[in-house]
């Protein structure tokens, strides 16, 4: 399991998570979001209460055959919300103990990353069925991941569009034949 920290530039509910790494033999992932400025160890504090740990299925895609796979998960959990300017750690674990994140060079970042990443070399599996348990070891790398939050303007435009479509449809239905 690897984790990397970030400070988001926008607030909102996370609706997609992307990360890049080597091929994983399992499609089962444990994703966690830790909050707090607690230096190089995201487990110095527990996972944020309220559902900041989830299990997801994601198969990697290596369309350019460079050995770096793209993993993508849509999130529909109202607890996965970040606030701009707050410090978070995002971690991903796979049942395949040999899986490794790709480095962040040239890959989308989320806000600003402050510290190097960390890796857990703990025992597997955890009591909750996930692949992660154990202490963290500092790494000197930034890892490749992106958390996607819808822009407020996009959501407002979408709502206006739905409202306009409903209004036009209603007017059409009320028009005499």
C-alpha atoms as a PDB file:
ATOM      1  CA  UNK A   1       0.000   0.000   0.000  1.00  0.00           C
ATOM      2  CA  UNK A   2       1.261   3.432  -0.892  1.00  0.00           C
ATOM      3  CA  UNK A   3       0.020   6.843   0.170  1.00  0.00           C
ATOM      4  CA  UNK A   4       0.777  10.366  -0.964  1.00  0.00           C
ATOM      5  CA  UNK A   5      -0.338  13.689   0.440  1.00  0.00           C
ATOM      6  CA  UNK A   6      -1.991  16.675  -1.203  1.00  0.00           C
ATOM      7  CA  UNK A   7      -3.767  19.949  -0.510  1.00  0.00           C
ATOM      8  CA  UNK A   8      -6.747  20.411  -2.869  1.00  0.00           C
ATOM      9  CA  UNK A   9      -7.264  23.730  -4.632  1.00  0.00           C
ATOM     10  CA  UNK A  10     -11.068  23.284  -4.737  1.00  0.00           C
ATOM     11  CA  UNK A  11     -13.700  22.018  -2.295  1.00  0.00           C
ATOM     12  CA  UNK A  12     -16.355  19.448  -3.080  1.00  0.00           C
ATOM     13  CA  UNK A  13     -17.386  15.825  -3.264  1.00  0.00           C
ATOM     14  CA  UNK A  14     -14.928  13.545  -5.026  1.00  0.00           C
ATOM     15  CA  UNK A  15     -16.665  11.833  -7.914  1.00  0.00           C
ATOM     16  CA  UNK A  16     -13.741  10.029  -9.615  1.00  0.00           C
ATOM     17  CA  UNK A  17     -10.318   8.773  -8.600  1.00  0.00           C
ATOM     18  CA  UNK A  18      -7.550   7.963 -11.070  1.00  0.00           C
ATOM     19  CA  UNK A  19      -4.163   6.483 -10.242  1.00  0.00           C
ATOM     20  CA  UNK A  20      -1.298   5.020 -12.251  1.00  0.00           C
ATOM     21  CA  UNK A  21       0.994   2.097 -11.539  1.00  0.00           C
ATOM     22  CA  UNK A  22       2.223  -1.329 -12.552  1.00  0.00           C
ATOM     23  CA  UNK A  23      -0.042  -4.215 -13.530  1.00  0.00           C
ATOM     24  CA  UNK A  24      -2.035  -5.574 -10.581  1.00  0.00           C
ATOM     25  CA  UNK A  25      -3.081  -9.222 -10.643  1.00  0.00           C
ATOM     26  CA  UNK A  26      -6.201  -8.368  -8.596  1.00  0.00           C
ATOM     27  CA  UNK A  27      -8.967  -5.924  -9.515  1.00  0.00           C
ATOM     28  CA  UNK A  28      -9.853  -5.442  -5.822  1.00  0.00           C
ATOM     29  CA  UNK A  29      -8.651  -2.179  -4.240  1.00  0.00           C
ATOM     30  CA  UNK A  30      -8.777  -0.575  -0.813  1.00  0.00           C
ATOM     31  CA  UNK A  31      -8.864   3.223  -1.105  1.00  0.00           C
ATOM     32  CA  UNK A  32      -8.550   5.526   1.893  1.00  0.00           C
ATOM     33  CA  UNK A  33      -8.528   9.252   2.493  1.00  0.00           C
ATOM     34  CA  UNK A  34      -6.809  10.483   5.643  1.00  0.00           C
ATOM     35  CA  UNK A  35      -7.106  14.098   6.763  1.00  0.00           C
ATOM     36  CA  UNK A  36      -4.607  16.155   8.713  1.00  0.00           C
ATOM     37  CA  UNK A  37      -1.158  17.674   8.659  1.00  0.00           C
ATOM     38  CA  UNK A  38       0.638  14.910  10.495  1.00  0.00           C
ATOM     39  CA  UNK A  39       3.928  14.770   8.674  1.00  0.00           C
ATOM     40  CA  UNK A  40       5.099  11.717   6.780  1.00  0.00           C
ATOM     41  CA  UNK A  41       2.711   9.162   8.330  1.00  0.00           C
ATOM     42  CA  UNK A  42      -0.958   9.100   7.314  1.00  0.00           C
ATOM     43  CA  UNK A  43      -1.694   6.542  10.013  1.00  0.00           C
ATOM     44  CA  UNK A  44      -0.565   8.847  12.798  1.00  0.00           C
ATOM     45  CA  UNK A  45      -4.288   9.651  12.925  1.00  0.00           C
ATOM     46  CA  UNK A  46      -7.089   7.233  12.027  1.00  0.00           C
ATOM     47  CA  UNK A  47      -8.906   7.311   8.729  1.00  0.00           C
ATOM     48  CA  UNK A  48     -11.363  10.206   8.756  1.00  0.00           C
ATOM     49  CA  UNK A  49     -14.632   8.930  10.308  1.00  0.00           C
ATOM     50  CA  UNK A  50     -17.674   8.649   8.085  1.00  0.00           C
ATOM     51  CA  UNK A  51     -16.733   6.444   5.189  1.00  0.00           C
ATOM     52  CA  UNK A  52     -13.320   7.621   4.049  1.00  0.00           C
ATOM     53  CA  UNK A  53     -12.293   4.027   3.385  1.00  0.00           C
ATOM     54  CA  UNK A  54     -13.884   2.086   0.566  1.00  0.00           C
ATOM     55  CA  UNK A  55     -13.360  -1.055  -1.432  1.00  0.00           C
ATOM     56  CA  UNK A  56     -13.534  -0.748  -5.196  1.00  0.00           C
ATOM     57  CA  UNK A  57     -13.022  -2.785  -8.347  1.00  0.00           C
ATOM     58  CA  UNK A  58     -10.715  -1.379 -11.022  1.00  0.00           C
ATOM     59  CA  UNK A  59      -8.916  -3.097 -13.866  1.00  0.00           C
ATOM     60  CA  UNK A  60      -5.877  -1.307 -15.229  1.00  0.00           C
ATOM     61  CA  UNK A  61      -5.584  -0.040 -18.793  1.00  0.00           C
ATOM     62  CA  UNK A  62      -2.236   0.261 -20.600  1.00  0.00           C
ATOM     63  CA  UNK A  63      -3.354   1.468 -24.025  1.00  0.00           C
ATOM     64  CA  UNK A  64       0.087   2.846 -24.948  1.00  0.00           C
ATOM     65  CA  UNK A  65       1.906  -0.351 -23.826  1.00  0.00           C
ATOM     66  CA  UNK A  66       4.451   1.531 -21.690  1.00  0.00           C
ATOM     67  CA  UNK A  67       3.975  -0.690 -18.623  1.00  0.00           C
ATOM     68  CA  UNK A  68       2.151   2.033 -16.670  1.00  0.00           C
ATOM     69  CA  UNK A  69      -1.495   1.146 -16.119  1.00  0.00           C
ATOM     70  CA  UNK A  70      -4.294   3.675 -15.540  1.00  0.00           C
ATOM     71  CA  UNK A  71      -6.863   2.764 -12.861  1.00  0.00           C
ATOM     72  CA  UNK A  72     -10.177   4.598 -12.564  1.00  0.00           C
ATOM     73  CA  UNK A  73     -13.040   4.443 -10.037  1.00  0.00           C
ATOM     74  CA  UNK A  74     -16.241   6.472  -9.894  1.00  0.00           C
ATOM     75  CA  UNK A  75     -17.212   7.463  -6.344  1.00  0.00           C
ATOM     76  CA  UNK A  76     -20.812   7.907  -5.245  1.00  0.00           C
ATOM     77  CA  UNK A  77     -20.225   8.383  -1.522  1.00  0.00           C
ATOM     78  CA  UNK A  78     -21.286  11.698   0.059  1.00  0.00           C
ATOM     79  CA  UNK A  79     -18.596  11.268   2.729  1.00  0.00           C
ATOM     80  CA  UNK A  80     -15.779  11.588   0.188  1.00  0.00           C
ATOM     81  CA  UNK A  81     -15.585  15.390   0.364  1.00  0.00           C
ATOM     82  CA  UNK A  82     -12.465  17.539   0.503  1.00  0.00           C
ATOM     83  CA  UNK A  83     -12.038  21.175   1.500  1.00  0.00           C
ATOM     84  CA  UNK A  84      -9.698  23.516  -0.349  1.00  0.00           C
ATOM     85  CA  UNK A  85      -6.560  24.284   1.609  1.00  0.00           C
ATOM     86  CA  UNK A  86      -6.878  21.265   3.957  1.00  0.00           C
ATOM     87  CA  UNK A  87      -4.173  18.602   4.124  1.00  0.00           C
ATOM     88  CA  UNK A  88      -5.079  15.027   3.060  1.00  0.00           C
ATOM     89  CA  UNK A  89      -3.382  11.735   2.296  1.00  0.00           C
ATOM     90  CA  UNK A  90      -4.779   9.421  -0.406  1.00  0.00           C
ATOM     91  CA  UNK A  91      -3.796   5.758  -0.294  1.00  0.00           C
ATOM     92  CA  UNK A  92      -4.427   2.770  -2.539  1.00  0.00           C
ATOM     93  CA  UNK A  93      -3.786  -0.885  -1.726  1.00  0.00           C
ATOM     94  CA  UNK A  94      -4.185  -3.962  -3.895  1.00  0.00           C
ATOM     95  CA  UNK A  95      -4.330  -7.618  -2.909  1.00  0.00           C
ATOM     96  CA  UNK A  96      -1.328  -8.052  -5.223  1.00  0.00           C
ATOM     97  CA  UNK A  97       1.574  -7.261  -2.869  1.00  0.00           C
ATOM     98  CA  UNK A  98       3.850  -6.613  -5.850  1.00  0.00           C
ATOM     99  CA  UNK A  99       1.775  -3.730  -7.233  1.00  0.00           C
ATOM    100  CA  UNK A 100       3.574  -0.373  -7.303  1.00  0.00           C
ATOM    101  CA  UNK A 101       2.355   3.173  -8.015  1.00  0.00           C
ATOM    102  CA  UNK A 102       3.861   5.105 -10.902  1.00  0.00           C
ATOM    103  CA  UNK A 103       5.848   8.229 -10.166  1.00  0.00           C
ATOM    104  CA  UNK A 104       4.064  11.558 -10.624  1.00  0.00           C
ATOM    105  CA  UNK A 105       6.356  12.967 -13.331  1.00  0.00           C
ATOM    106  CA  UNK A 106       4.175  14.170 -16.197  1.00  0.00           C
ATOM    107  CA  UNK A 107       0.943  12.813 -14.685  1.00  0.00           C
ATOM    108  CA  UNK A 108      -1.918  14.996 -13.342  1.00  0.00           C
ATOM    109  CA  UNK A 109      -1.497  16.220  -9.793  1.00  0.00           C
ATOM    110  CA  UNK A 110      -4.167  17.240  -7.306  1.00  0.00           C
ATOM    111  CA  UNK A 111      -3.509  20.616  -5.730  1.00  0.00           C
ATOM    112  CA  UNK A 112      -0.029  20.748  -4.239  1.00  0.00           C
ATOM    113  CA  UNK A 113       1.865  17.826  -2.781  1.00  0.00           C
ATOM    114  CA  UNK A 114       4.001  18.644   0.264  1.00  0.00           C
ATOM    115  CA  UNK A 115       5.797  15.520   1.364  1.00  0.00           C
ATOM    116  CA  UNK A 116       7.178  12.454  -0.290  1.00  0.00           C
ATOM    117  CA  UNK A 117       4.956   9.400  -0.321  1.00  0.00           C
ATOM    118  CA  UNK A 118       4.949   6.563   2.179  1.00  0.00           C
ATOM    119  CA  UNK A 119       4.653   2.803   1.840  1.00  0.00           C
ATOM    120  CA  UNK A 120       3.197   0.303   4.261  1.00  0.00           C
ATOM    121  CA  UNK A 121       5.059  -2.960   4.610  1.00  0.00           C
ATOM    122  CA  UNK A 122       2.557  -4.345   7.127  1.00  0.00           C
ATOM    123  CA  UNK A 123       0.778  -7.665   7.230  1.00  0.00           C
ATOM    124  CA  UNK A 124      -2.050  -8.634   4.913  1.00  0.00           C
ATOM    125  CA  UNK A 125      -4.965  -9.030   4.970  1.00  0.00           C
ATOM    126  CA  UNK A 126      -6.484  -6.688   7.558  1.00  0.00           C
ATOM    127  CA  UNK A 127      -9.306  -7.701   9.909  1.00  0.00           C
ATOM    128  CA  UNK A 128     -11.750  -5.687   7.739  1.00  0.00           C
ATOM    129  CA  UNK A 129     -10.871  -7.763   4.664  1.00  0.00           C
ATOM    130  CA  UNK A 130      -8.650  -5.139   3.068  1.00  0.00           C
ATOM    131  CA  UNK A 131      -5.053  -5.735   2.032  1.00  0.00           C
ATOM    132  CA  UNK A 132      -3.505  -3.121   4.310  1.00  0.00           C
ATOM    133  CA  UNK A 133      -2.273  -3.217   7.872  1.00  0.00           C
ATOM    134  CA  UNK A 134       1.000  -2.054   9.347  1.00  0.00           C
ATOM    135  CA  UNK A 135       3.429   0.803   9.827  1.00  0.00           C
ATOM    136  CA  UNK A 136       4.537   3.294   7.161  1.00  0.00           C
ATOM    137  CA  UNK A 137       8.015   3.724   5.678  1.00  0.00           C
ATOM    138  CA  UNK A 138       8.967   7.062   4.083  1.00  0.00           C
ATOM    139  CA  UNK A 139       9.614   7.116   0.333  1.00  0.00           C
ATOM    140  CA  UNK A 140      11.388   9.895  -1.567  1.00  0.00           C
ATOM    141  CA  UNK A 141       8.883  10.024  -4.434  1.00  0.00           C
ATOM    142  CA  UNK A 142       5.613  11.686  -5.395  1.00  0.00           C
ATOM    143  CA  UNK A 143       3.068   9.220  -6.785  1.00  0.00           C
ATOM    144  CA  UNK A 144       0.643   9.588  -9.682  1.00  0.00           C
ATOM    145  CA  UNK A 145      -3.016  10.070  -8.773  1.00  0.00           C
ATOM    146  CA  UNK A 146      -5.886  12.465  -9.425  1.00  0.00           C
ATOM    147  CA  UNK A 147      -9.067  13.083  -7.441  1.00  0.00           C
ATOM    148  CA  UNK A 148     -11.766  14.725  -9.556  1.00  0.00           C
ATOM    149  CA  UNK A 149     -14.233  17.212  -8.077  1.00  0.00           C
ATOM    150  CA  UNK A 150     -16.933  18.720 -10.328  1.00  0.00           C
ATOM    151  CA  UNK A 151     -16.501  22.451 -10.873  1.00  0.00           C
ATOM    152  CA  UNK A 152     -19.345  24.449  -9.246  1.00  0.00           C
ATOM    153  CA  UNK A 153     -19.933  26.341 -12.516  1.00  0.00           C
ATOM    154  CA  UNK A 154     -20.393  23.073 -14.409  1.00  0.00           C
ATOM    155  CA  UNK A 155     -22.927  21.845 -11.863  1.00  0.00           C
ATOM    156  CA  UNK A 156     -24.822  25.157 -12.006  1.00  0.00           C
ATOM    157  CA  UNK A 157     -24.938  25.082 -15.820  1.00  0.00           C
ATOM    158  CA  UNK A 158     -26.118  21.477 -15.754  1.00  0.00           C
ATOM    159  CA  UNK A 159     -28.932  22.415 -13.336  1.00  0.00           C
ATOM    160  CA  UNK A 160     -29.952  25.406 -15.466  1.00  0.00           C
ATOM    161  CA  UNK A 161     -29.993  23.194 -18.558  1.00  0.00           C
ATOM    162  CA  UNK A 162     -32.212  20.619 -16.868  1.00  0.00           C
ATOM    163  CA  UNK A 163     -34.560  23.343 -15.671  1.00  0.00           C
ATOM    164  CA  UNK A 164     -34.794  24.898 -19.143  1.00  0.00           C
ATOM    165  CA  UNK A 165     -35.446  21.518 -20.749  1.00  0.00           C
ATOM    166  CA  UNK A 166     -38.255  20.857 -18.257  1.00  0.00           C
ATOM    167  CA  UNK A 167     -39.761  24.306 -18.884  1.00  0.00           C
ATOM    168  CA  UNK A 168     -39.722  23.862 -22.683  1.00  0.00           C
ATOM    169  CA  UNK A 169     -41.217  20.382 -22.369  1.00  0.00           C
ATOM    170  CA  UNK A 170     -43.990  21.689 -20.078  1.00  0.00           C
ATOM    171  CA  UNK A 171     -44.830  24.580 -22.445  1.00  0.00           C
ATOM    172  CA  UNK A 172     -44.975  22.153 -25.372  1.00  0.00           C
ATOM    173  CA  UNK A 173     -47.321  19.843 -23.425  1.00  0.00           C
ATOM    174  CA  UNK A 174     -49.637  22.750 -22.518  1.00  0.00           C
ATOM    175  CA  UNK A 175     -49.885  24.123 -26.071  1.00  0.00           C
ATOM    176  CA  UNK A 176     -53.358  23.480 -27.620  1.00  0.00           C
ATOM    177  CA  UNK A 177     -53.526  21.111 -30.577  1.00  0.00           C
END
